[in-house]
Amino acid sequence: MMVRTPVDLLATTRDVKLRIQRVIGELEDIEQQQDPVFAQPRDVFLDLHLAAHQLEVAIARMRGAWWP
C-alpha cells in the first residue's frame, strides 16, 4: 500500500500562481510587439516553449497536490 506524503497546499498554490504570472508576462511581451512579422522568431518560439513548460509544471503540481 502506498503512503501519500502530506502536501503543503499553500506553498503549492503560491508556486502555481507564480508560474502563471511568469507565463502571462511572457505572453504579454510577445503580444505587445509592434512588428508585423516577428523580428526574432527564435526568441518568440523559445518564449512560447518556456511558457508551455511552465504551464505543464503548474498542472503537474496541481495534480500531485489535489489528486493522488
Protein backbone atom coordinates (compact mmCIF):
# COMPACT_ATOMS: atom_id res chain seq x y z
CA MET A 1 0.00 0.00 0.00
CA MET A 2 1.37 3.43 -0.95
CA VAL A 3 1.55 6.06 1.73
CA ARG A 4 0.73 9.53 0.49
CA THR A 5 3.09 12.18 1.80
CA PRO A 6 1.50 15.40 3.05
CA VAL A 7 1.47 18.30 0.61
CA ASP A 8 1.75 21.95 1.59
CA LEU A 9 -1.26 23.34 -0.28
CA LEU A 10 -0.34 26.96 0.46
CA ALA A 11 3.15 26.53 -0.99
CA THR A 12 1.76 24.67 -3.99
CA THR A 13 -0.81 27.41 -4.62
CA ARG A 14 1.89 30.11 -4.37
CA ASP A 15 4.13 28.20 -6.78
CA VAL A 16 1.32 27.68 -9.30
CA LYS A 17 0.34 31.36 -9.15
CA LEU A 18 3.96 32.48 -9.66
CA ARG A 19 4.29 30.20 -12.68
CA ILE A 20 1.06 31.57 -14.15
CA GLN A 21 2.28 35.14 -13.60
CA ARG A 22 5.50 34.31 -15.46
CA VAL A 23 3.53 32.82 -18.35
CA ILE A 24 1.25 35.86 -18.55
CA GLY A 25 4.27 38.17 -18.56
CA GLU A 26 6.00 36.20 -21.32
CA LEU A 27 2.84 36.12 -23.45
CA GLU A 28 2.15 39.83 -22.90
CA ASP A 29 5.67 40.65 -24.09
CA ILE A 30 5.02 38.70 -27.29
CA GLU A 31 1.59 40.26 -27.80
CA GLN A 32 2.92 43.81 -27.38
CA GLN A 33 5.48 43.51 -30.16
CA GLN A 34 4.68 46.06 -32.84
CA ASP A 35 6.41 44.32 -35.76
CA PRO A 36 4.09 42.92 -38.46
CA VAL A 37 6.43 39.90 -38.63
CA PHE A 38 8.44 38.67 -35.65
CA ALA A 39 11.88 40.28 -35.79
CA GLN A 40 13.34 37.49 -33.64
CA PRO A 41 11.22 34.38 -34.34
CA ARG A 42 13.64 32.12 -32.47
CA ASP A 43 13.23 34.20 -29.31
CA VAL A 44 9.44 34.16 -29.67
CA PHE A 45 9.50 30.39 -30.15
CA LEU A 46 11.64 29.93 -27.04
CA ASP A 47 9.36 32.21 -25.00
CA LEU A 48 6.31 30.21 -26.12
CA HIS A 49 8.05 26.92 -25.39
CA LEU A 50 9.11 28.07 -21.92
CA ALA A 51 5.59 29.35 -21.22
CA ALA A 52 4.15 25.97 -22.21
CA HIS A 53 6.66 24.22 -19.96
CA GLN A 54 5.73 26.47 -17.03
CA LEU A 55 2.06 25.59 -17.57
CA GLU A 56 2.87 21.87 -17.73
CA VAL A 57 4.77 22.10 -14.44
CA ALA A 58 1.91 24.06 -12.83
CA ILE A 59 -0.56 21.39 -13.99
CA ALA A 60 1.63 18.62 -12.60
CA ARG A 61 1.98 20.42 -9.26
CA MET A 62 -1.79 20.87 -9.02
CA ARG A 63 -2.44 17.25 -9.98
CA GLY A 64 0.06 15.98 -7.40
CA ALA A 65 -1.27 18.21 -4.64
CA TRP A 66 -5.00 17.73 -5.06
CA TRP A 67 -5.44 14.38 -6.81
CA PRO A 68 -3.39 11.40 -5.66
